[in-house]
């Protein structure tokens, strides 16, 4: 019997399997990027970096809620110039494609970040257009006109593939997906976290120092699946599914909905890095049991009515 192939060609990026880490879960140091690659990822994504150093929010920044985690990290990062040093170390050691996640508060900031990182041997860029608890970025990521302009700025600064990571916190996900596509995005990441709140009844105030946070984990999955499903019927570029993937069954749902690749985030915090190999083994078994020879045959099957 022919073993099914998990290989993926994602907008020209060759991956041995469809799994990636979600930006924000590890990815700030060379050590963590190497660990992710060795854990079984087909590609790795850095933590989001901006033009200038940013401390992020003071503790507490994470609280466990029913169905996942609520975080209000506030995008802490050392700034692009300091991060380049660490990224260069990682690129010498990681034998998998590496995508740099970048964020800004204006379209031109994203373009400048891509320009500064473009000479490094990165596989591509992921644009964090969707952090739900950082003012300025939240507004940019819900404005189709600004999304389109941001993608255009980045595409003008690099020939590498560009993926727009989009928010579910909008009235029409299709509208923001189309904006990224029309701006020239090579792919989408769907989705970032849902904006939420948790209150400490003993203290009588919100748990998080930043008040609002982003909800990730199993509670996010139905929303993320809906966004992937809608985008697949609208745009003609590959989609990276993200949001509540804990098992191979979750992964299969996203693939059937139209995702070509997958990102795992909160599951790492609960189950460790072994979650990647567990999902991959499950995917292989599922493909073999259904008679599929490659992962590509699975993508979008749920739309074939």
C-alpha atoms as a PDB file:
ATOM      1  CA  UNK A   1       0.000   0.000   0.000  1.00  0.00           C
ATOM      2  CA  UNK A   2       1.307   3.461  -0.939  1.00  0.00           C
ATOM      3  CA  UNK A   3       1.939   5.644   2.084  1.00  0.00           C
ATOM      4  CA  UNK A   4      -0.006   8.933   1.842  1.00  0.00           C
ATOM      5  CA  UNK A   5       2.100  12.067   1.427  1.00  0.00           C
ATOM      6  CA  UNK A   6       1.818  14.947   3.881  1.00  0.00           C
ATOM      7  CA  UNK A   7       3.922  17.280   1.743  1.00  0.00           C
ATOM      8  CA  UNK A   8       2.547  20.758   1.098  1.00  0.00           C
ATOM      9  CA  UNK A   9       3.437  23.481  -1.371  1.00  0.00           C
ATOM     10  CA  UNK A  10       2.211  26.641   0.295  1.00  0.00           C
ATOM     11  CA  UNK A  11       2.407  29.578  -2.128  1.00  0.00           C
ATOM     12  CA  UNK A  12       5.756  28.259  -3.332  1.00  0.00           C
ATOM     13  CA  UNK A  13       7.033  27.230   0.110  1.00  0.00           C
ATOM     14  CA  UNK A  14       7.868  23.533   0.182  1.00  0.00           C
ATOM     15  CA  UNK A  15       6.907  21.884   3.482  1.00  0.00           C
ATOM     16  CA  UNK A  16       7.338  18.242   4.465  1.00  0.00           C
ATOM     17  CA  UNK A  17       4.041  18.419   6.372  1.00  0.00           C
ATOM     18  CA  UNK A  18       1.274  21.004   6.930  1.00  0.00           C
ATOM     19  CA  UNK A  19       1.987  21.878  10.569  1.00  0.00           C
ATOM     20  CA  UNK A  20       3.378  25.155  11.901  1.00  0.00           C
ATOM     21  CA  UNK A  21       3.398  26.826  15.288  1.00  0.00           C
ATOM     22  CA  UNK A  22       1.094  29.782  15.748  1.00  0.00           C
ATOM     23  CA  UNK A  23       2.996  33.029  16.222  1.00  0.00           C
ATOM     24  CA  UNK A  24       3.171  34.042  19.866  1.00  0.00           C
ATOM     25  CA  UNK A  25       3.749  30.507  21.125  1.00  0.00           C
ATOM     26  CA  UNK A  26       7.545  30.334  21.349  1.00  0.00           C
ATOM     27  CA  UNK A  27       9.504  31.716  18.374  1.00  0.00           C
ATOM     28  CA  UNK A  28      11.329  34.643  19.950  1.00  0.00           C
ATOM     29  CA  UNK A  29      14.705  32.900  20.303  1.00  0.00           C
ATOM     30  CA  UNK A  30      16.845  30.724  18.070  1.00  0.00           C
ATOM     31  CA  UNK A  31      16.611  27.974  20.688  1.00  0.00           C
ATOM     32  CA  UNK A  32      12.808  27.914  20.627  1.00  0.00           C
ATOM     33  CA  UNK A  33      12.638  27.968  16.818  1.00  0.00           C
ATOM     34  CA  UNK A  34      15.042  25.029  16.651  1.00  0.00           C
ATOM     35  CA  UNK A  35      12.948  23.125  19.196  1.00  0.00           C
ATOM     36  CA  UNK A  36       9.809  23.697  17.136  1.00  0.00           C
ATOM     37  CA  UNK A  37      11.493  22.496  13.955  1.00  0.00           C
ATOM     38  CA  UNK A  38      12.816  19.387  15.690  1.00  0.00           C
ATOM     39  CA  UNK A  39       9.381  18.688  17.215  1.00  0.00           C
ATOM     40  CA  UNK A  40       7.976  17.977  13.769  1.00  0.00           C
ATOM     41  CA  UNK A  41       6.776  21.286  12.335  1.00  0.00           C
ATOM     42  CA  UNK A  42       6.790  21.550   8.548  1.00  0.00           C
ATOM     43  CA  UNK A  43       7.606  25.256   8.943  1.00  0.00           C
ATOM     44  CA  UNK A  44       8.077  27.584  11.910  1.00  0.00           C
ATOM     45  CA  UNK A  45       6.788  31.084  12.594  1.00  0.00           C
ATOM     46  CA  UNK A  46       8.542  33.682  14.724  1.00  0.00           C
ATOM     47  CA  UNK A  47       6.874  35.683  17.447  1.00  0.00           C
ATOM     48  CA  UNK A  48       5.591  39.011  16.115  1.00  0.00           C
ATOM     49  CA  UNK A  49       8.230  41.740  15.921  1.00  0.00           C
ATOM     50  CA  UNK A  50       7.801  45.476  15.429  1.00  0.00           C
ATOM     51  CA  UNK A  51      10.069  48.355  14.494  1.00  0.00           C
ATOM     52  CA  UNK A  52      10.778  49.347  18.103  1.00  0.00           C
ATOM     53  CA  UNK A  53      11.210  47.423  21.369  1.00  0.00           C
ATOM     54  CA  UNK A  54       7.974  46.913  23.259  1.00  0.00           C
ATOM     55  CA  UNK A  55       7.608  45.678  26.837  1.00  0.00           C
ATOM     56  CA  UNK A  56       4.028  44.522  26.524  1.00  0.00           C
ATOM     57  CA  UNK A  57       1.554  44.496  29.395  1.00  0.00           C
ATOM     58  CA  UNK A  58       2.479  43.907  33.059  1.00  0.00           C
ATOM     59  CA  UNK A  59       1.380  40.691  34.744  1.00  0.00           C
ATOM     60  CA  UNK A  60      -1.084  39.057  34.888  1.00  0.00           C
ATOM     61  CA  UNK A  61      -1.254  38.534  31.138  1.00  0.00           C
ATOM     62  CA  UNK A  62      -2.742  35.019  30.865  1.00  0.00           C
ATOM     63  CA  UNK A  63      -5.724  33.403  32.542  1.00  0.00           C
ATOM     64  CA  UNK A  64      -7.300  30.000  31.940  1.00  0.00           C
ATOM     65  CA  UNK A  65     -11.000  30.110  31.103  1.00  0.00           C
ATOM     66  CA  UNK A  66     -13.545  27.510  30.034  1.00  0.00           C
ATOM     67  CA  UNK A  67     -12.395  26.192  26.666  1.00  0.00           C
ATOM     68  CA  UNK A  68      -8.922  27.690  26.522  1.00  0.00           C
ATOM     69  CA  UNK A  69      -6.761  30.637  27.450  1.00  0.00           C
ATOM     70  CA  UNK A  70      -7.289  34.386  27.522  1.00  0.00           C
ATOM     71  CA  UNK A  71      -4.080  36.355  26.968  1.00  0.00           C
ATOM     72  CA  UNK A  72      -3.204  40.027  26.971  1.00  0.00           C
ATOM     73  CA  UNK A  73       0.524  39.883  26.295  1.00  0.00           C
ATOM     74  CA  UNK A  74       0.603  43.238  24.504  1.00  0.00           C
ATOM     75  CA  UNK A  75       3.087  42.137  21.807  1.00  0.00           C
ATOM     76  CA  UNK A  76       6.334  42.240  23.810  1.00  0.00           C
ATOM     77  CA  UNK A  77       9.387  42.093  21.531  1.00  0.00           C
ATOM     78  CA  UNK A  78      12.945  43.467  21.370  1.00  0.00           C
ATOM     79  CA  UNK A  79      12.427  45.428  18.151  1.00  0.00           C
ATOM     80  CA  UNK A  80      13.448  44.397  14.660  1.00  0.00           C
ATOM     81  CA  UNK A  81      17.147  45.303  14.813  1.00  0.00           C
ATOM     82  CA  UNK A  82      17.801  43.347  18.013  1.00  0.00           C
ATOM     83  CA  UNK A  83      15.650  40.480  16.769  1.00  0.00           C
ATOM     84  CA  UNK A  84      17.616  40.207  13.523  1.00  0.00           C
ATOM     85  CA  UNK A  85      20.634  38.995  15.503  1.00  0.00           C
ATOM     86  CA  UNK A  86      18.648  36.162  17.065  1.00  0.00           C
ATOM     87  CA  UNK A  87      16.910  35.388  13.788  1.00  0.00           C
ATOM     88  CA  UNK A  88      20.225  35.017  11.959  1.00  0.00           C
ATOM     89  CA  UNK A  89      21.290  32.411  14.544  1.00  0.00           C
ATOM     90  CA  UNK A  90      18.047  30.523  14.030  1.00  0.00           C
ATOM     91  CA  UNK A  91      18.275  30.556  10.237  1.00  0.00           C
ATOM     92  CA  UNK A  92      21.695  28.891  10.423  1.00  0.00           C
ATOM     93  CA  UNK A  93      20.308  26.015  12.492  1.00  0.00           C
ATOM     94  CA  UNK A  94      16.693  25.503  11.457  1.00  0.00           C
ATOM     95  CA  UNK A  95      16.329  23.160   8.483  1.00  0.00           C
ATOM     96  CA  UNK A  96      12.702  24.059   7.874  1.00  0.00           C
ATOM     97  CA  UNK A  97      11.117  27.119   6.241  1.00  0.00           C
ATOM     98  CA  UNK A  98      10.951  30.077   8.632  1.00  0.00           C
ATOM     99  CA  UNK A  99       8.274  32.769   8.396  1.00  0.00           C
ATOM    100  CA  UNK A 100       8.760  36.096  10.160  1.00  0.00           C
ATOM    101  CA  UNK A 101       5.678  37.505  11.855  1.00  0.00           C
ATOM    102  CA  UNK A 102       5.634  41.309  11.761  1.00  0.00           C
ATOM    103  CA  UNK A 103       3.295  43.966  13.144  1.00  0.00           C
ATOM    104  CA  UNK A 104       2.895  47.715  12.984  1.00  0.00           C
ATOM    105  CA  UNK A 105       0.356  50.455  13.516  1.00  0.00           C
ATOM    106  CA  UNK A 106       0.463  51.899  10.008  1.00  0.00           C
ATOM    107  CA  UNK A 107       0.804  50.241   6.589  1.00  0.00           C
ATOM    108  CA  UNK A 108       4.189  51.852   6.003  1.00  0.00           C
ATOM    109  CA  UNK A 109       5.568  50.299   9.208  1.00  0.00           C
ATOM    110  CA  UNK A 110       4.854  46.825   7.857  1.00  0.00           C
ATOM    111  CA  UNK A 111       6.564  47.746   4.601  1.00  0.00           C
ATOM    112  CA  UNK A 112       9.632  49.000   6.443  1.00  0.00           C
ATOM    113  CA  UNK A 113       9.821  45.829   8.543  1.00  0.00           C
ATOM    114  CA  UNK A 114       9.678  43.651   5.436  1.00  0.00           C
ATOM    115  CA  UNK A 115      12.382  45.767   3.801  1.00  0.00           C
ATOM    116  CA  UNK A 116      14.706  45.388   6.808  1.00  0.00           C
ATOM    117  CA  UNK A 117      14.232  41.611   6.988  1.00  0.00           C
ATOM    118  CA  UNK A 118      14.037  40.837   3.286  1.00  0.00           C
ATOM    119  CA  UNK A 119      17.718  40.011   2.794  1.00  0.00           C
ATOM    120  CA  UNK A 120      17.604  37.232   5.359  1.00  0.00           C
ATOM    121  CA  UNK A 121      16.914  33.724   4.006  1.00  0.00           C
ATOM    122  CA  UNK A 122      13.341  33.694   5.275  1.00  0.00           C
ATOM    123  CA  UNK A 123      10.665  31.652   3.526  1.00  0.00           C
ATOM    124  CA  UNK A 124       8.116  34.434   3.831  1.00  0.00           C
ATOM    125  CA  UNK A 125       6.260  36.879   6.048  1.00  0.00           C
ATOM    126  CA  UNK A 126       3.135  36.633   8.155  1.00  0.00           C
ATOM    127  CA  UNK A 127       1.452  39.978   8.797  1.00  0.00           C
ATOM    128  CA  UNK A 128      -0.085  40.185  12.258  1.00  0.00           C
ATOM    129  CA  UNK A 129      -3.093  42.332  11.375  1.00  0.00           C
ATOM    130  CA  UNK A 130      -5.258  41.032  14.128  1.00  0.00           C
ATOM    131  CA  UNK A 131      -4.129  41.328  17.763  1.00  0.00           C
ATOM    132  CA  UNK A 132      -7.441  41.939  19.596  1.00  0.00           C
ATOM    133  CA  UNK A 133      -6.042  43.648  22.695  1.00  0.00           C
ATOM    134  CA  UNK A 134      -3.598  46.219  21.281  1.00  0.00           C
ATOM    135  CA  UNK A 135      -5.131  49.541  20.343  1.00  0.00           C
ATOM    136  CA  UNK A 136      -4.192  50.791  16.902  1.00  0.00           C
ATOM    137  CA  UNK A 137      -3.431  47.332  15.577  1.00  0.00           C
ATOM    138  CA  UNK A 138      -6.949  46.167  16.409  1.00  0.00           C
ATOM    139  CA  UNK A 139      -8.423  49.041  14.400  1.00  0.00           C
ATOM    140  CA  UNK A 140      -6.093  48.482  11.441  1.00  0.00           C
ATOM    141  CA  UNK A 141      -6.974  44.807  11.250  1.00  0.00           C
ATOM    142  CA  UNK A 142     -10.709  45.466  11.032  1.00  0.00           C
ATOM    143  CA  UNK A 143     -10.425  48.080   8.266  1.00  0.00           C
ATOM    144  CA  UNK A 144     -10.465  46.475   4.784  1.00  0.00           C
ATOM    145  CA  UNK A 145      -8.926  49.555   3.155  1.00  0.00           C
ATOM    146  CA  UNK A 146      -5.980  49.564   5.577  1.00  0.00           C
ATOM    147  CA  UNK A 147      -5.534  45.805   5.248  1.00  0.00           C
ATOM    148  CA  UNK A 148      -5.320  46.096   1.482  1.00  0.00           C
ATOM    149  CA  UNK A 149      -2.843  48.985   1.704  1.00  0.00           C
ATOM    150  CA  UNK A 150      -0.705  47.154   4.291  1.00  0.00           C
ATOM    151  CA  UNK A 151      -0.402  44.066   2.122  1.00  0.00           C
ATOM    152  CA  UNK A 152       0.485  46.219  -0.881  1.00  0.00           C
ATOM    153  CA  UNK A 153       3.246  47.962   1.066  1.00  0.00           C
ATOM    154  CA  UNK A 154       4.782  44.653   2.095  1.00  0.00           C
ATOM    155  CA  UNK A 155       4.508  43.172  -1.390  1.00  0.00           C
ATOM    156  CA  UNK A 156       6.345  46.211  -2.718  1.00  0.00           C
ATOM    157  CA  UNK A 157       9.177  45.567  -0.245  1.00  0.00           C
ATOM    158  CA  UNK A 158       9.669  41.827  -0.825  1.00  0.00           C
ATOM    159  CA  UNK A 159       9.273  39.109  -3.420  1.00  0.00           C
ATOM    160  CA  UNK A 160       8.805  36.491  -0.691  1.00  0.00           C
ATOM    161  CA  UNK A 161       5.338  35.019  -0.024  1.00  0.00           C
ATOM    162  CA  UNK A 162       3.173  37.151   2.249  1.00  0.00           C
ATOM    163  CA  UNK A 163       0.421  35.758   4.488  1.00  0.00           C
ATOM    164  CA  UNK A 164      -2.147  38.014   6.146  1.00  0.00           C
ATOM    165  CA  UNK A 165      -3.195  36.831   9.612  1.00  0.00           C
ATOM    166  CA  UNK A 166      -6.759  38.020  10.039  1.00  0.00           C
ATOM    167  CA  UNK A 167      -9.087  38.688  12.940  1.00  0.00           C
ATOM    168  CA  UNK A 168     -12.453  36.991  13.563  1.00  0.00           C
ATOM    169  CA  UNK A 169     -13.558  40.127  15.454  1.00  0.00           C
ATOM    170  CA  UNK A 170     -15.330  41.668  12.467  1.00  0.00           C
ATOM    171  CA  UNK A 171     -18.893  41.682  11.153  1.00  0.00           C
ATOM    172  CA  UNK A 172     -17.763  40.163   7.829  1.00  0.00           C
ATOM    173  CA  UNK A 173     -14.737  37.890   7.660  1.00  0.00           C
ATOM    174  CA  UNK A 174     -15.186  37.588   3.917  1.00  0.00           C
ATOM    175  CA  UNK A 175     -14.685  41.341   3.574  1.00  0.00           C
ATOM    176  CA  UNK A 176     -11.289  41.365   5.317  1.00  0.00           C
ATOM    177  CA  UNK A 177     -10.216  38.182   3.501  1.00  0.00           C
ATOM    178  CA  UNK A 178     -11.040  39.765   0.145  1.00  0.00           C
ATOM    179  CA  UNK A 179      -9.179  42.929   1.119  1.00  0.00           C
ATOM    180  CA  UNK A 180      -5.997  40.965   1.833  1.00  0.00           C
ATOM    181  CA  UNK A 181      -6.377  38.981  -1.395  1.00  0.00           C
ATOM    182  CA  UNK A 182      -6.931  42.097  -3.501  1.00  0.00           C
ATOM    183  CA  UNK A 183      -3.938  43.717  -1.832  1.00  0.00           C
ATOM    184  CA  UNK A 184      -1.774  40.916  -3.217  1.00  0.00           C
ATOM    185  CA  UNK A 185      -1.486  38.489  -0.298  1.00  0.00           C
ATOM    186  CA  UNK A 186      -0.144  35.073  -1.277  1.00  0.00           C
ATOM    187  CA  UNK A 187      -2.159  33.422   1.478  1.00  0.00           C
ATOM    188  CA  UNK A 188      -4.229  33.953   4.621  1.00  0.00           C
ATOM    189  CA  UNK A 189      -3.882  32.782   8.205  1.00  0.00           C
ATOM    190  CA  UNK A 190      -7.325  32.301   9.718  1.00  0.00           C
ATOM    191  CA  UNK A 191      -7.652  33.230  12.509  1.00  0.00           C
ATOM    192  CA  UNK A 192      -6.169  35.173  15.396  1.00  0.00           C
ATOM    193  CA  UNK A 193      -7.857  35.178  18.805  1.00  0.00           C
ATOM    194  CA  UNK A 194     -11.317  36.373  19.810  1.00  0.00           C
ATOM    195  CA  UNK A 195     -11.546  39.458  22.011  1.00  0.00           C
ATOM    196  CA  UNK A 196     -12.738  38.476  25.479  1.00  0.00           C
ATOM    197  CA  UNK A 197     -12.813  39.334  29.164  1.00  0.00           C
ATOM    198  CA  UNK A 198     -12.580  37.469  32.475  1.00  0.00           C
ATOM    199  CA  UNK A 199     -13.398  38.927  35.900  1.00  0.00           C
ATOM    200  CA  UNK A 200     -11.999  37.904  39.285  1.00  0.00           C
ATOM    201  CA  UNK A 201     -15.062  37.819  41.548  1.00  0.00           C
ATOM    202  CA  UNK A 202     -12.924  37.921  44.709  1.00  0.00           C
ATOM    203  CA  UNK A 203     -10.970  40.997  43.654  1.00  0.00           C
ATOM    204  CA  UNK A 204     -13.970  42.470  41.873  1.00  0.00           C
ATOM    205  CA  UNK A 205     -12.004  43.434  38.772  1.00  0.00           C
ATOM    206  CA  UNK A 206     -10.759  41.959  35.468  1.00  0.00           C
ATOM    207  CA  UNK A 207      -8.103  39.239  35.809  1.00  0.00           C
ATOM    208  CA  UNK A 208      -5.853  40.669  33.107  1.00  0.00           C
ATOM    209  CA  UNK A 209      -3.848  43.842  33.570  1.00  0.00           C
ATOM    210  CA  UNK A 210      -4.820  44.864  30.060  1.00  0.00           C
ATOM    211  CA  UNK A 211      -8.497  44.175  30.899  1.00  0.00           C
ATOM    212  CA  UNK A 212      -9.307  42.560  27.531  1.00  0.00           C
ATOM    213  CA  UNK A 213      -7.550  39.529  26.101  1.00  0.00           C
ATOM    214  CA  UNK A 214      -7.529  37.172  23.159  1.00  0.00           C
ATOM    215  CA  UNK A 215      -9.372  33.857  23.547  1.00  0.00           C
ATOM    216  CA  UNK A 216      -7.561  30.832  22.111  1.00  0.00           C
ATOM    217  CA  UNK A 217      -8.043  27.093  22.367  1.00  0.00           C
ATOM    218  CA  UNK A 218     -10.994  24.746  21.743  1.00  0.00           C
ATOM    219  CA  UNK A 219     -13.598  27.473  22.325  1.00  0.00           C
ATOM    220  CA  UNK A 220     -12.207  29.342  19.315  1.00  0.00           C
ATOM    221  CA  UNK A 221     -12.329  26.373  16.921  1.00  0.00           C
ATOM    222  CA  UNK A 222     -15.917  26.635  15.623  1.00  0.00           C
ATOM    223  CA  UNK A 223     -15.394  30.312  14.827  1.00  0.00           C
ATOM    224  CA  UNK A 224     -12.050  29.669  13.147  1.00  0.00           C
ATOM    225  CA  UNK A 225     -13.533  26.818  11.094  1.00  0.00           C
ATOM    226  CA  UNK A 226     -16.341  29.068   9.927  1.00  0.00           C
ATOM    227  CA  UNK A 227     -13.843  31.721   8.846  1.00  0.00           C
ATOM    228  CA  UNK A 228     -11.734  29.200   6.912  1.00  0.00           C
ATOM    229  CA  UNK A 229     -14.854  27.772   5.264  1.00  0.00           C
ATOM    230  CA  UNK A 230     -16.079  31.228   4.210  1.00  0.00           C
ATOM    231  CA  UNK A 231     -12.673  32.322   2.944  1.00  0.00           C
ATOM    232  CA  UNK A 232     -12.216  29.157   0.877  1.00  0.00           C
ATOM    233  CA  UNK A 233     -15.388  29.967  -1.031  1.00  0.00           C
ATOM    234  CA  UNK A 234     -14.264  33.545  -1.629  1.00  0.00           C
ATOM    235  CA  UNK A 235     -10.515  33.877  -2.210  1.00  0.00           C
ATOM    236  CA  UNK A 236      -8.231  31.987  -4.569  1.00  0.00           C
ATOM    237  CA  UNK A 237      -5.146  31.819  -2.373  1.00  0.00           C
ATOM    238  CA  UNK A 238      -4.120  29.162   0.185  1.00  0.00           C
ATOM    239  CA  UNK A 239      -5.386  29.370   3.745  1.00  0.00           C
ATOM    240  CA  UNK A 240      -3.517  28.440   6.920  1.00  0.00           C
ATOM    241  CA  UNK A 241      -6.065  27.260   9.480  1.00  0.00           C
ATOM    242  CA  UNK A 242      -5.484  28.319  13.074  1.00  0.00           C
ATOM    243  CA  UNK A 243      -7.623  28.205  16.186  1.00  0.00           C
ATOM    244  CA  UNK A 244      -8.147  25.384  18.660  1.00  0.00           C
ATOM    245  CA  UNK A 245      -6.273  22.586  16.896  1.00  0.00           C
ATOM    246  CA  UNK A 246      -5.478  20.016  19.593  1.00  0.00           C
ATOM    247  CA  UNK A 247      -5.788  16.706  17.735  1.00  0.00           C
ATOM    248  CA  UNK A 248      -5.607  15.109  14.290  1.00  0.00           C
ATOM    249  CA  UNK A 249      -9.397  15.239  14.146  1.00  0.00           C
ATOM    250  CA  UNK A 250      -9.297  19.011  14.603  1.00  0.00           C
ATOM    251  CA  UNK A 251      -6.652  19.181  11.878  1.00  0.00           C
ATOM    252  CA  UNK A 252      -8.806  17.153   9.482  1.00  0.00           C
ATOM    253  CA  UNK A 253     -11.774  19.462  10.076  1.00  0.00           C
ATOM    254  CA  UNK A 254      -9.711  22.481   9.056  1.00  0.00           C
ATOM    255  CA  UNK A 255      -8.400  20.721   5.963  1.00  0.00           C
ATOM    256  CA  UNK A 256     -11.902  19.678   4.923  1.00  0.00           C
ATOM    257  CA  UNK A 257     -13.041  23.282   5.450  1.00  0.00           C
ATOM    258  CA  UNK A 258     -10.385  24.490   3.020  1.00  0.00           C
ATOM    259  CA  UNK A 259      -7.120  24.989   4.883  1.00  0.00           C
ATOM    260  CA  UNK A 260      -3.942  23.919   3.058  1.00  0.00           C
ATOM    261  CA  UNK A 261      -1.721  24.181   6.154  1.00  0.00           C
ATOM    262  CA  UNK A 262      -2.304  24.405   9.908  1.00  0.00           C
ATOM    263  CA  UNK A 263      -1.000  26.286  12.920  1.00  0.00           C
ATOM    264  CA  UNK A 264      -0.971  24.915  16.460  1.00  0.00           C
ATOM    265  CA  UNK A 265      -0.718  27.263  19.430  1.00  0.00           C
ATOM    266  CA  UNK A 266      -2.531  26.776  22.719  1.00  0.00           C
ATOM    267  CA  UNK A 267      -2.242  22.978  22.458  1.00  0.00           C
ATOM    268  CA  UNK A 268       1.522  23.362  22.978  1.00  0.00           C
ATOM    269  CA  UNK A 269       0.874  24.938  26.375  1.00  0.00           C
ATOM    270  CA  UNK A 270      -1.399  22.056  27.397  1.00  0.00           C
ATOM    271  CA  UNK A 271       0.257  19.068  25.750  1.00  0.00           C
ATOM    272  CA  UNK A 272       3.832  20.023  24.993  1.00  0.00           C
ATOM    273  CA  UNK A 273       5.730  19.834  21.733  1.00  0.00           C
ATOM    274  CA  UNK A 274       4.829  16.172  21.233  1.00  0.00           C
ATOM    275  CA  UNK A 275       1.433  17.379  20.008  1.00  0.00           C
ATOM    276  CA  UNK A 276       2.935  17.912  16.541  1.00  0.00           C
ATOM    277  CA  UNK A 277       4.004  14.302  16.076  1.00  0.00           C
ATOM    278  CA  UNK A 278       0.713  13.057  17.537  1.00  0.00           C
ATOM    279  CA  UNK A 279      -1.265  15.095  15.003  1.00  0.00           C
ATOM    280  CA  UNK A 280       0.968  13.979  12.128  1.00  0.00           C
ATOM    281  CA  UNK A 281       0.572  10.301  12.985  1.00  0.00           C
ATOM    282  CA  UNK A 282      -3.180  10.737  13.179  1.00  0.00           C
ATOM    283  CA  UNK A 283      -3.277  12.508   9.818  1.00  0.00           C
ATOM    284  CA  UNK A 284      -1.323   9.705   8.164  1.00  0.00           C
ATOM    285  CA  UNK A 285      -3.685   7.114   9.579  1.00  0.00           C
ATOM    286  CA  UNK A 286      -6.758   9.048   8.483  1.00  0.00           C
ATOM    287  CA  UNK A 287      -5.516   9.548   4.921  1.00  0.00           C
ATOM    288  CA  UNK A 288      -4.621   5.864   4.626  1.00  0.00           C
ATOM    289  CA  UNK A 289      -7.994   4.730   6.002  1.00  0.00           C
ATOM    290  CA  UNK A 290      -9.854   6.913   3.485  1.00  0.00           C
ATOM    291  CA  UNK A 291      -7.690   5.925   0.536  1.00  0.00           C
ATOM    292  CA  UNK A 292      -6.152   9.372  -0.023  1.00  0.00           C
ATOM    293  CA  UNK A 293      -2.661   9.431  -1.522  1.00  0.00           C
ATOM    294  CA  UNK A 294      -1.881  13.020  -0.573  1.00  0.00           C
ATOM    295  CA  UNK A 295      -3.038  15.748   1.760  1.00  0.00           C
ATOM    296  CA  UNK A 296      -4.045  17.903  -1.218  1.00  0.00           C
ATOM    297  CA  UNK A 297      -6.936  15.558  -1.966  1.00  0.00           C
ATOM    298  CA  UNK A 298      -8.458  16.378   1.414  1.00  0.00           C
ATOM    299  CA  UNK A 299      -8.408  20.186   1.152  1.00  0.00           C
ATOM    300  CA  UNK A 300     -11.877  21.678   0.735  1.00  0.00           C
ATOM    301  CA  UNK A 301     -13.720  18.346   0.549  1.00  0.00           C
ATOM    302  CA  UNK A 302     -16.455  19.673   2.855  1.00  0.00           C
ATOM    303  CA  UNK A 303     -17.527  22.057   0.072  1.00  0.00           C
ATOM    304  CA  UNK A 304     -18.303  19.239  -2.370  1.00  0.00           C
ATOM    305  CA  UNK A 305     -22.009  18.877  -1.840  1.00  0.00           C
END
